[in-house]
Amino acid sequence: MMSPLAMKGSTMLNAEVLHHFDKNIIREIVIIKRDSFPHGWAVRDAEEYYGGMLRSEKNIHIILNDNGKKAGYLLAIPQSDAVEELKNDDPGMKKDPKGYYIETVGILPESRGKKGLSLMLEKLVGECRKRGINKISLHARIINNFSKIIRKKFGTAEIRRIEKWRYYNFEEPTDYIEAVLP
C-alpha cells in the first residue's frame, strides 16, 4: 500500500537514503542545487564538493524522486563537523556528538508543494535513529518559510536569528534551529 505522502494525483514521490553513488548522481545533485536556489548561491566546484560529501560515510544523503526523476536533495553532516566549518560565521553553534546538521536541502521548483520535503525529513529522522542521533540543527531561510516549516515539524530546543547570513550572500536573515527528534 502506498503512503498518502507518496501520492498527489498521479504523482509518485519517494525519498531514499543514498549509500552508493556515481557521476550521474553527482551531476543530478548539482542540477538540483543550481535550479533550487537563487542565482549566485552555487558552491564553487560543485561536482567536486558534492562528490567529496558523498564519499564520506558519516554524512547522510537523501534523494527525492518525482515520477522517476531526481527532484530533491538533502545533505546532513555531523554537528561537530558543521561547527568546525561554521565557527567563524556562527560562533553560537556548539559541538554535539549526538547531533547532525542539515547542510542543504533543495527541491526543484516543479516538484515543490508535493510533500517531498516531508518525505526527505522522515527519511532523515529514520537514518538518524539508526545511527543513534537524537538532534538535528540547521540554518533555515525565513523568506521562503523554511524556518516556519522546520519549527512546525520538529518544535525547537533553540532558535536564534542571524540577520544577514553569509551563505545567503548577506542578503537575507536565517534562523539557527536545534530540534530534538520526535
N, C-alpha and C. Protein backbone atom coordinates (compact mmCIF):
# COMPACT_ATOMS: atom_id res chain seq x y z
N MET A 1 0.84 -1.19 0.00
CA MET A 1 0.00 0.00 0.00
C MET A 1 0.88 1.24 0.00
N MET A 2 0.58 2.20 -0.82
CA MET A 2 1.39 3.42 -0.95
C MET A 2 1.02 4.44 0.11
N SER A 3 2.03 5.08 0.68
CA SER A 3 1.84 6.13 1.66
C SER A 3 1.11 7.31 1.01
N PRO A 4 0.15 7.94 1.75
CA PRO A 4 -0.53 9.11 1.21
C PRO A 4 0.46 10.23 0.86
N LEU A 5 1.60 10.30 1.57
CA LEU A 5 2.59 11.32 1.25
C LEU A 5 3.24 11.05 -0.10
N ALA A 6 3.22 9.82 -0.54
CA ALA A 6 3.88 9.47 -1.78
C ALA A 6 2.98 9.71 -2.99
N MET A 7 1.74 10.11 -2.76
CA MET A 7 0.81 10.32 -3.87
C MET A 7 0.22 11.72 -3.81
N LYS A 8 0.08 12.32 -4.96
CA LYS A 8 -0.70 13.54 -5.11
C LYS A 8 -1.21 13.48 -6.53
N GLY A 9 -2.48 13.20 -6.68
CA GLY A 9 -2.98 12.92 -8.01
C GLY A 9 -2.30 11.65 -8.48
N SER A 10 -1.66 11.73 -9.63
CA SER A 10 -0.96 10.55 -10.14
C SER A 10 0.55 10.67 -9.95
N THR A 11 1.00 11.65 -9.18
CA THR A 11 2.42 11.85 -8.96
C THR A 11 2.96 10.84 -7.96
N MET A 12 4.08 10.23 -8.32
CA MET A 12 4.73 9.28 -7.42
C MET A 12 5.98 9.94 -6.85
N LEU A 13 5.98 10.11 -5.55
CA LEU A 13 7.14 10.65 -4.86
C LEU A 13 7.71 9.58 -3.95
N ASN A 14 9.03 9.53 -3.87
CA ASN A 14 9.67 8.73 -2.84
C ASN A 14 11.01 9.34 -2.52
N ALA A 15 11.45 9.07 -1.34
CA ALA A 15 12.76 9.55 -0.88
C ALA A 15 13.57 8.34 -0.46
N GLU A 16 14.86 8.41 -0.73
CA GLU A 16 15.74 7.29 -0.38
C GLU A 16 17.05 7.82 0.16
N VAL A 17 17.63 7.04 1.07
CA VAL A 17 18.96 7.34 1.58
C VAL A 17 19.95 6.78 0.58
N LEU A 18 20.88 7.63 0.14
CA LEU A 18 21.92 7.17 -0.78
C LEU A 18 23.04 6.50 0.00
N HIS A 19 23.39 5.30 -0.43
CA HIS A 19 24.53 4.59 0.16
C HIS A 19 25.65 4.42 -0.87
N HIS A 20 25.28 4.50 -2.14
CA HIS A 20 26.24 4.38 -3.24
C HIS A 20 25.94 5.48 -4.24
N PHE A 21 26.94 5.87 -4.96
CA PHE A 21 26.74 6.94 -5.93
C PHE A 21 27.66 6.75 -7.12
N ASP A 22 27.34 7.49 -8.17
CA ASP A 22 28.20 7.54 -9.35
C ASP A 22 28.20 8.98 -9.87
N LYS A 23 28.89 9.20 -10.97
CA LYS A 23 29.00 10.56 -11.51
C LYS A 23 27.64 11.11 -11.93
N ASN A 24 26.72 10.25 -12.36
CA ASN A 24 25.40 10.73 -12.75
C ASN A 24 24.65 11.32 -11.56
N ILE A 25 24.74 10.66 -10.41
CA ILE A 25 24.09 11.18 -9.20
C ILE A 25 24.68 12.54 -8.84
N ILE A 26 26.00 12.65 -8.91
CA ILE A 26 26.65 13.93 -8.59
C ILE A 26 26.13 15.02 -9.52
N ARG A 27 26.06 14.73 -10.81
CA ARG A 27 25.55 15.73 -11.77
C ARG A 27 24.11 16.11 -11.46
N GLU A 28 23.29 15.13 -11.11
CA GLU A 28 21.89 15.42 -10.80
C GLU A 28 21.77 16.27 -9.53
N ILE A 29 22.61 16.00 -8.54
CA ILE A 29 22.61 16.83 -7.33
C ILE A 29 23.01 18.26 -7.67
N VAL A 30 24.00 18.42 -8.49
CA VAL A 30 24.44 19.77 -8.89
C VAL A 30 23.31 20.51 -9.60
N ILE A 31 22.59 19.82 -10.47
CA ILE A 31 21.46 20.44 -11.17
C ILE A 31 20.37 20.83 -10.18
N ILE A 32 20.05 19.94 -9.24
CA ILE A 32 19.03 20.25 -8.23
C ILE A 32 19.44 21.48 -7.45
N LYS A 33 20.68 21.51 -7.00
CA LYS A 33 21.16 22.65 -6.23
C LYS A 33 21.12 23.94 -7.07
N ARG A 34 21.60 23.87 -8.29
CA ARG A 34 21.63 25.05 -9.17
C ARG A 34 20.23 25.60 -9.42
N ASP A 35 19.27 24.69 -9.65
CA ASP A 35 17.93 25.12 -10.03
C ASP A 35 17.01 25.37 -8.84
N SER A 36 17.47 25.09 -7.63
CA SER A 36 16.63 25.25 -6.44
C SER A 36 16.87 26.55 -5.69
N PHE A 37 17.98 27.21 -5.97
CA PHE A 37 18.36 28.39 -5.19
C PHE A 37 18.56 29.59 -6.10
N PRO A 38 18.54 30.78 -5.52
CA PRO A 38 18.77 31.98 -6.32
C PRO A 38 20.12 31.92 -7.04
N HIS A 39 20.16 32.56 -8.19
CA HIS A 39 21.39 32.62 -8.98
C HIS A 39 22.52 33.21 -8.12
N GLY A 40 23.68 32.62 -8.21
CA GLY A 40 24.83 33.12 -7.47
C GLY A 40 25.08 32.43 -6.15
N TRP A 41 24.19 31.51 -5.75
CA TRP A 41 24.37 30.80 -4.49
C TRP A 41 25.08 29.46 -4.68
N ALA A 42 25.52 29.16 -5.85
CA ALA A 42 26.15 27.86 -6.12
C ALA A 42 27.49 27.74 -5.42
N VAL A 43 27.81 26.53 -5.04
CA VAL A 43 29.10 26.19 -4.46
C VAL A 43 30.13 26.17 -5.59
N ARG A 44 31.30 26.74 -5.33
CA ARG A 44 32.38 26.62 -6.32
C ARG A 44 32.75 25.16 -6.48
N ASP A 45 33.08 24.77 -7.69
CA ASP A 45 33.46 23.38 -7.97
C ASP A 45 32.44 22.41 -7.37
N ALA A 46 31.16 22.61 -7.73
CA ALA A 46 30.06 21.86 -7.13
C ALA A 46 30.21 20.36 -7.28
N GLU A 47 30.63 19.89 -8.45
CA GLU A 47 30.78 18.44 -8.62
C GLU A 47 31.84 17.88 -7.68
N GLU A 48 32.92 18.58 -7.52
CA GLU A 48 33.97 18.14 -6.60
C GLU A 48 33.47 18.18 -5.16
N TYR A 49 32.77 19.26 -4.79
CA TYR A 49 32.26 19.41 -3.43
C TYR A 49 31.28 18.28 -3.07
N TYR A 50 30.25 18.08 -3.91
CA TYR A 50 29.26 17.06 -3.59
C TYR A 50 29.83 15.65 -3.73
N GLY A 51 30.76 15.45 -4.65
CA GLY A 51 31.45 14.16 -4.73
C GLY A 51 32.18 13.84 -3.44
N GLY A 52 32.87 14.84 -2.89
CA GLY A 52 33.56 14.66 -1.61
C GLY A 52 32.59 14.38 -0.48
N MET A 53 31.49 15.09 -0.47
CA MET A 53 30.47 14.86 0.57
C MET A 53 29.89 13.46 0.47
N LEU A 54 29.65 13.01 -0.76
CA LEU A 54 29.10 11.66 -0.97
C LEU A 54 30.09 10.57 -0.56
N ARG A 55 31.37 10.83 -0.70
CA ARG A 55 32.37 9.81 -0.33
C ARG A 55 32.49 9.62 1.19
N SER A 56 32.04 10.59 1.94
CA SER A 56 32.14 10.48 3.40
C SER A 56 30.98 9.65 3.94
N GLU A 57 31.30 8.51 4.53
CA GLU A 57 30.27 7.61 5.05
C GLU A 57 29.54 8.18 6.26
N LYS A 58 30.10 9.17 6.91
CA LYS A 58 29.43 9.75 8.08
C LYS A 58 28.31 10.70 7.69
N ASN A 59 28.32 11.21 6.45
CA ASN A 59 27.28 12.12 6.00
C ASN A 59 26.02 11.34 5.62
N ILE A 60 24.88 12.02 5.67
CA ILE A 60 23.61 11.42 5.27
C ILE A 60 23.13 12.16 4.02
N HIS A 61 22.79 11.37 3.00
CA HIS A 61 22.32 11.92 1.72
C HIS A 61 20.95 11.34 1.43
N ILE A 62 19.99 12.22 1.20
CA ILE A 62 18.63 11.81 0.87
C ILE A 62 18.31 12.36 -0.52
N ILE A 63 17.81 11.53 -1.39
CA ILE A 63 17.38 11.94 -2.73
C ILE A 63 15.86 11.79 -2.81
N LEU A 64 15.22 12.81 -3.37
CA LEU A 64 13.78 12.79 -3.63
C LEU A 64 13.58 12.46 -5.10
N ASN A 65 12.75 11.48 -5.37
CA ASN A 65 12.39 11.11 -6.74
C ASN A 65 10.94 11.51 -6.99
N ASP A 66 10.70 12.15 -8.11
CA ASP A 66 9.35 12.57 -8.51
C ASP A 66 9.10 11.94 -9.87
N ASN A 67 8.25 10.91 -9.88
CA ASN A 67 7.97 10.17 -11.12
C ASN A 67 9.25 9.69 -11.80
N GLY A 68 10.19 9.19 -10.99
CA GLY A 68 11.43 8.63 -11.52
C GLY A 68 12.53 9.63 -11.78
N LYS A 69 12.25 10.92 -11.64
CA LYS A 69 13.26 11.95 -11.87
C LYS A 69 13.82 12.42 -10.53
N LYS A 70 15.13 12.61 -10.46
CA LYS A 70 15.75 13.15 -9.25
C LYS A 70 15.28 14.60 -9.11
N ALA A 71 14.59 14.89 -8.00
CA ALA A 71 13.93 16.19 -7.87
C ALA A 71 14.30 16.93 -6.59
N GLY A 72 15.00 16.27 -5.66
CA GLY A 72 15.36 16.93 -4.41
C GLY A 72 16.56 16.25 -3.79
N TYR A 73 17.24 17.02 -2.94
CA TYR A 73 18.44 16.51 -2.28
C TYR A 73 18.55 17.14 -0.90
N LEU A 74 18.89 16.31 0.07
CA LEU A 74 19.14 16.76 1.44
C LEU A 74 20.48 16.18 1.87
N LEU A 75 21.33 17.03 2.42
CA LEU A 75 22.63 16.61 2.93
C LEU A 75 22.70 16.98 4.41
N ALA A 76 23.00 16.00 5.25
CA ALA A 76 23.20 16.24 6.68
C ALA A 76 24.59 15.73 7.06
N ILE A 77 25.27 16.52 7.89
CA ILE A 77 26.63 16.18 8.32
C ILE A 77 26.67 16.19 9.84
N PRO A 78 27.64 15.53 10.45
CA PRO A 78 27.73 15.56 11.91
C PRO A 78 27.80 17.01 12.42
N GLN A 79 27.09 17.27 13.49
CA GLN A 79 27.05 18.61 14.09
C GLN A 79 28.46 19.14 14.37
N SER A 80 29.31 18.29 14.90
CA SER A 80 30.66 18.74 15.24
C SER A 80 31.44 19.18 14.00
N ASP A 81 31.22 18.52 12.86
CA ASP A 81 31.85 18.94 11.60
C ASP A 81 31.32 20.30 11.16
N ALA A 82 30.02 20.48 11.31
CA ALA A 82 29.40 21.76 10.92
C ALA A 82 29.93 22.90 11.78
N VAL A 83 30.07 22.65 13.07
CA VAL A 83 30.60 23.69 13.97
C VAL A 83 31.99 24.09 13.54
N GLU A 84 32.80 23.10 13.20
CA GLU A 84 34.17 23.39 12.75
C GLU A 84 34.14 24.25 11.49
N GLU A 85 33.27 23.90 10.56
CA GLU A 85 33.16 24.63 9.28
C GLU A 85 32.59 26.04 9.46
N LEU A 86 31.66 26.21 10.39
CA LEU A 86 30.92 27.47 10.51
C LEU A 86 31.28 28.30 11.74
N LYS A 87 32.31 27.92 12.47
CA LYS A 87 32.62 28.58 13.74
C LYS A 87 32.84 30.08 13.61
N ASN A 88 33.35 30.54 12.49
CA ASN A 88 33.55 31.98 12.32
C ASN A 88 32.28 32.71 11.90
N ASP A 89 31.35 31.98 11.29
CA ASP A 89 30.10 32.58 10.82
C ASP A 89 28.99 32.53 11.86
N ASP A 90 29.02 31.52 12.72
CA ASP A 90 28.03 31.39 13.78
C ASP A 90 28.71 30.83 15.03
N PRO A 91 29.35 31.72 15.80
CA PRO A 91 30.07 31.26 16.99
C PRO A 91 29.16 30.70 18.08
N GLY A 92 27.85 30.85 17.93
CA GLY A 92 26.92 30.31 18.91
C GLY A 92 26.66 28.82 18.76
N MET A 93 27.10 28.22 17.67
CA MET A 93 26.91 26.78 17.48
C MET A 93 27.81 26.01 18.43
N LYS A 94 27.32 24.88 18.90
CA LYS A 94 28.08 24.02 19.82
C LYS A 94 28.23 22.62 19.23
N LYS A 95 29.39 22.02 19.48
CA LYS A 95 29.62 20.64 19.06
C LYS A 95 28.69 19.72 19.84
N ASP A 96 28.24 18.66 19.18
CA ASP A 96 27.35 17.69 19.81
C ASP A 96 27.51 16.35 19.08
N PRO A 97 28.12 15.35 19.73
CA PRO A 97 28.33 14.07 19.07
C PRO A 97 27.02 13.32 18.78
N LYS A 98 25.91 13.75 19.36
CA LYS A 98 24.61 13.11 19.12
C LYS A 98 23.72 13.96 18.20
N GLY A 99 24.35 14.90 17.47
CA GLY A 99 23.58 15.77 16.58
C GLY A 99 24.08 15.74 15.16
N TYR A 100 23.18 16.02 14.24
CA TYR A 100 23.50 16.19 12.83
C TYR A 100 22.98 17.53 12.38
N TYR A 101 23.69 18.13 11.43
CA TYR A 101 23.37 19.45 10.90
C TYR A 101 22.91 19.29 9.45
N ILE A 102 21.76 19.83 9.14
CA ILE A 102 21.28 19.80 7.76
C ILE A 102 22.03 20.89 7.01
N GLU A 103 22.96 20.47 6.19
CA GLU A 103 23.81 21.40 5.44
C GLU A 103 23.05 22.05 4.30
N THR A 104 22.23 21.26 3.61
CA THR A 104 21.48 21.81 2.49
C THR A 104 20.27 20.96 2.18
N VAL A 105 19.23 21.62 1.70
CA VAL A 105 18.03 20.97 1.18
C VAL A 105 17.63 21.74 -0.06
N GLY A 106 17.41 21.05 -1.13
CA GLY A 106 16.93 21.68 -2.36
C GLY A 106 15.91 20.81 -3.04
N ILE A 107 14.84 21.43 -3.54
CA ILE A 107 13.81 20.72 -4.30
C ILE A 107 13.56 21.54 -5.56
N LEU A 108 13.57 20.87 -6.70
CA LEU A 108 13.31 21.56 -7.95
C LEU A 108 11.95 22.26 -7.91
N PRO A 109 11.85 23.44 -8.48
CA PRO A 109 10.60 24.22 -8.41
C PRO A 109 9.36 23.43 -8.85
N GLU A 110 9.48 22.62 -9.90
CA GLU A 110 8.30 21.89 -10.39
C GLU A 110 7.87 20.75 -9.47
N SER A 111 8.69 20.42 -8.47
CA SER A 111 8.36 19.34 -7.54
C SER A 111 8.00 19.85 -6.15
N ARG A 112 7.98 21.14 -5.97
CA ARG A 112 7.63 21.71 -4.66
C ARG A 112 6.13 21.62 -4.43
N GLY A 113 5.75 21.60 -3.16
CA GLY A 113 4.34 21.56 -2.80
C GLY A 113 3.71 20.19 -2.91
N LYS A 114 4.50 19.17 -3.04
CA LYS A 114 4.00 17.80 -3.19
C LYS A 114 4.35 16.93 -2.00
N LYS A 115 4.75 17.52 -0.91
CA LYS A 115 5.13 16.80 0.32
C LYS A 115 6.49 16.12 0.24
N GLY A 116 7.30 16.49 -0.74
CA GLY A 116 8.63 15.91 -0.87
C GLY A 116 9.54 16.25 0.29
N LEU A 117 9.43 17.48 0.79
CA LEU A 117 10.24 17.86 1.95
C LEU A 117 9.92 16.97 3.14
N SER A 118 8.65 16.72 3.38
CA SER A 118 8.26 15.84 4.49
C SER A 118 8.83 14.44 4.32
N LEU A 119 8.80 13.94 3.10
CA LEU A 119 9.36 12.61 2.84
C LEU A 119 10.86 12.58 3.13
N MET A 120 11.58 13.61 2.68
CA MET A 120 13.02 13.64 2.92
C MET A 120 13.32 13.76 4.41
N LEU A 121 12.57 14.59 5.12
CA LEU A 121 12.79 14.74 6.56
C LEU A 121 12.48 13.45 7.31
N GLU A 122 11.44 12.72 6.89
CA GLU A 122 11.13 11.42 7.51
C GLU A 122 12.28 10.44 7.31
N LYS A 123 12.84 10.41 6.10
CA LYS A 123 13.99 9.53 5.84
C LYS A 123 15.18 9.94 6.70
N LEU A 124 15.40 11.25 6.83
CA LEU A 124 16.50 11.74 7.65
C LEU A 124 16.32 11.30 9.10
N VAL A 125 15.13 11.47 9.64
CA VAL A 125 14.87 11.06 11.03
C VAL A 125 15.13 9.57 11.19
N GLY A 126 14.66 8.76 10.25
CA GLY A 126 14.89 7.31 10.33
C GLY A 126 16.36 6.95 10.30
N GLU A 127 17.11 7.60 9.43
CA GLU A 127 18.55 7.32 9.33
C GLU A 127 19.27 7.81 10.59
N CYS A 128 18.86 8.95 11.12
CA CYS A 128 19.47 9.45 12.37
C CYS A 128 19.23 8.46 13.51
N ARG A 129 18.02 7.96 13.62
CA ARG A 129 17.72 6.99 14.68
C ARG A 129 18.60 5.75 14.56
N LYS A 130 18.80 5.26 13.32
CA LYS A 130 19.66 4.10 13.11
C LYS A 130 21.08 4.37 13.61
N ARG A 131 21.52 5.61 13.53
CA ARG A 131 22.88 5.99 13.91
C ARG A 131 22.98 6.48 15.36
N GLY A 132 21.87 6.43 16.10
CA GLY A 132 21.89 6.86 17.50
C GLY A 132 21.91 8.38 17.65
N ILE A 133 21.45 9.09 16.65
CA ILE A 133 21.42 10.55 16.66
C ILE A 133 20.05 10.99 17.17
N ASN A 134 20.04 11.99 18.08
CA ASN A 134 18.76 12.41 18.64
C ASN A 134 18.45 13.90 18.43
N LYS A 135 19.32 14.60 17.69
CA LYS A 135 19.08 16.03 17.49
C LYS A 135 19.54 16.44 16.09
N ILE A 136 18.78 17.37 15.50
CA ILE A 136 19.21 17.97 14.25
C ILE A 136 19.30 19.47 14.44
N SER A 137 20.10 20.09 13.60
CA SER A 137 20.19 21.54 13.59
C SER A 137 20.34 22.00 12.15
N LEU A 138 20.11 23.26 11.91
CA LEU A 138 20.26 23.83 10.59
C LEU A 138 20.12 25.34 10.65
N HIS A 139 20.57 25.99 9.61
CA HIS A 139 20.29 27.41 9.38
C HIS A 139 19.19 27.42 8.32
N ALA A 140 18.02 27.91 8.68
CA ALA A 140 16.85 27.83 7.81
C ALA A 140 16.45 29.21 7.31
N ARG A 141 16.23 29.28 6.01
CA ARG A 141 15.77 30.53 5.41
C ARG A 141 14.43 30.92 5.99
N ILE A 142 14.22 32.22 6.12
CA ILE A 142 12.97 32.76 6.63
C ILE A 142 12.07 33.17 5.47
N ILE A 143 12.64 33.79 4.45
CA ILE A 143 11.89 34.35 3.33
C ILE A 143 11.02 33.31 2.64
N ASN A 144 11.51 32.08 2.51
CA ASN A 144 10.73 31.04 1.83
C ASN A 144 9.94 30.17 2.81
N ASN A 145 9.83 30.58 4.07
CA ASN A 145 9.08 29.87 5.13
C ASN A 145 9.71 28.55 5.56
N PHE A 146 10.94 28.27 5.16
CA PHE A 146 11.57 27.03 5.56
C PHE A 146 11.73 26.95 7.08
N SER A 147 12.10 28.06 7.70
CA SER A 147 12.23 28.08 9.16
C SER A 147 10.90 27.72 9.83
N LYS A 148 9.83 28.28 9.34
CA LYS A 148 8.50 28.02 9.91
C LYS A 148 8.12 26.54 9.74
N ILE A 149 8.41 25.98 8.56
CA ILE A 149 8.09 24.58 8.29
C ILE A 149 8.87 23.66 9.24
N ILE A 150 10.17 23.94 9.41
CA ILE A 150 11.00 23.12 10.28
C ILE A 150 10.52 23.21 11.73
N ARG A 151 10.23 24.43 12.20
CA ARG A 151 9.78 24.58 13.59
C ARG A 151 8.45 23.88 13.81
N LYS A 152 7.56 23.91 12.83
CA LYS A 152 6.28 23.22 12.95
C LYS A 152 6.49 21.70 12.97
N LYS A 153 7.40 21.23 12.14
CA LYS A 153 7.65 19.78 12.04
C LYS A 153 8.31 19.22 13.31
N PHE A 154 9.32 19.95 13.84
CA PHE A 154 10.12 19.40 14.92
C PHE A 154 9.98 20.09 16.26
N GLY A 155 9.40 21.29 16.30
CA GLY A 155 9.49 22.06 17.53
C GLY A 155 10.94 22.53 17.66
N THR A 156 11.25 23.30 18.66
CA THR A 156 12.63 23.78 18.77
C THR A 156 13.14 23.70 20.20
N ALA A 157 14.39 23.35 20.32
CA ALA A 157 15.07 23.44 21.60
C ALA A 157 15.76 24.79 21.69
N GLU A 158 16.14 25.30 20.52
CA GLU A 158 16.83 26.59 20.46
C GLU A 158 16.56 27.20 19.10
N ILE A 159 16.38 28.51 19.09
CA ILE A 159 16.26 29.24 17.82
C ILE A 159 16.92 30.59 18.00
N ARG A 160 17.77 30.92 17.05
CA ARG A 160 18.45 32.22 17.05
C ARG A 160 18.35 32.82 15.67
N ARG A 161 18.08 34.09 15.61
CA ARG A 161 18.02 34.80 14.32
C ARG A 161 19.37 35.42 14.00
N ILE A 162 19.81 35.24 12.76
CA ILE A 162 21.01 35.90 12.23
C ILE A 162 20.50 36.77 11.08
N GLU A 163 20.66 38.06 11.20
CA GLU A 163 20.03 39.00 10.27
C GLU A 163 20.57 38.94 8.85
N LYS A 164 21.85 38.81 8.68
CA LYS A 164 22.44 38.78 7.33
C LYS A 164 23.40 37.60 7.25
N TRP A 165 22.86 36.46 6.85
CA TRP A 165 23.62 35.22 6.81
C TRP A 165 24.56 35.21 5.61
N ARG A 166 25.80 34.95 5.87
CA ARG A 166 26.84 34.96 4.84
C ARG A 166 26.50 34.07 3.65
N TYR A 167 25.95 32.91 3.93
CA TYR A 167 25.71 31.92 2.88
C TYR A 167 24.49 32.25 2.03
N TYR A 168 23.79 33.30 2.36
CA TYR A 168 22.73 33.83 1.50
C TYR A 168 23.22 35.16 0.93
N ASN A 169 24.52 35.25 0.70
CA ASN A 169 25.16 36.46 0.15
C ASN A 169 24.85 37.69 1.00
N PHE A 170 24.68 37.50 2.29
CA PHE A 170 24.37 38.59 3.22
C PHE A 170 23.09 39.32 2.81
N GLU A 171 22.22 38.67 2.05
CA GLU A 171 21.03 39.32 1.51
C GLU A 171 19.77 39.08 2.34
N GLU A 172 19.78 38.07 3.20
CA GLU A 172 18.57 37.77 3.95
C GLU A 172 18.90 37.10 5.28
N PRO A 173 17.94 37.12 6.20
CA PRO A 173 18.18 36.50 7.50
C PRO A 173 17.99 34.99 7.46
N THR A 174 18.46 34.37 8.52
CA THR A 174 18.28 32.93 8.71
C THR A 174 17.99 32.68 10.19
N ASP A 175 17.32 31.59 10.47
CA ASP A 175 17.13 31.12 11.84
C ASP A 175 18.03 29.90 12.03
N TYR A 176 18.80 29.93 13.11
CA TYR A 176 19.53 28.73 13.51
C TYR A 176 18.58 27.96 14.41
N ILE A 177 18.32 26.73 14.06
CA ILE A 177 17.35 25.92 14.80
C ILE A 177 18.02 24.62 15.24
N GLU A 178 17.81 24.27 16.50
CA GLU A 178 18.16 22.94 17.00
C GLU A 178 16.88 22.27 17.43
N ALA A 179 16.68 21.04 17.02
CA ALA A 179 15.46 20.31 17.35
C ALA A 179 15.79 18.91 17.82
N VAL A 180 15.11 18.48 18.85
CA VAL A 180 15.21 17.11 19.32
C VAL A 180 14.30 16.28 18.43
N LEU A 181 14.79 15.14 17.95
CA LEU A 181 13.99 14.31 17.06
C LEU A 181 12.78 13.73 17.76
N PRO A 182 11.66 13.66 17.04
CA PRO A 182 10.42 13.10 17.63
C PRO A 182 10.55 11.61 17.88
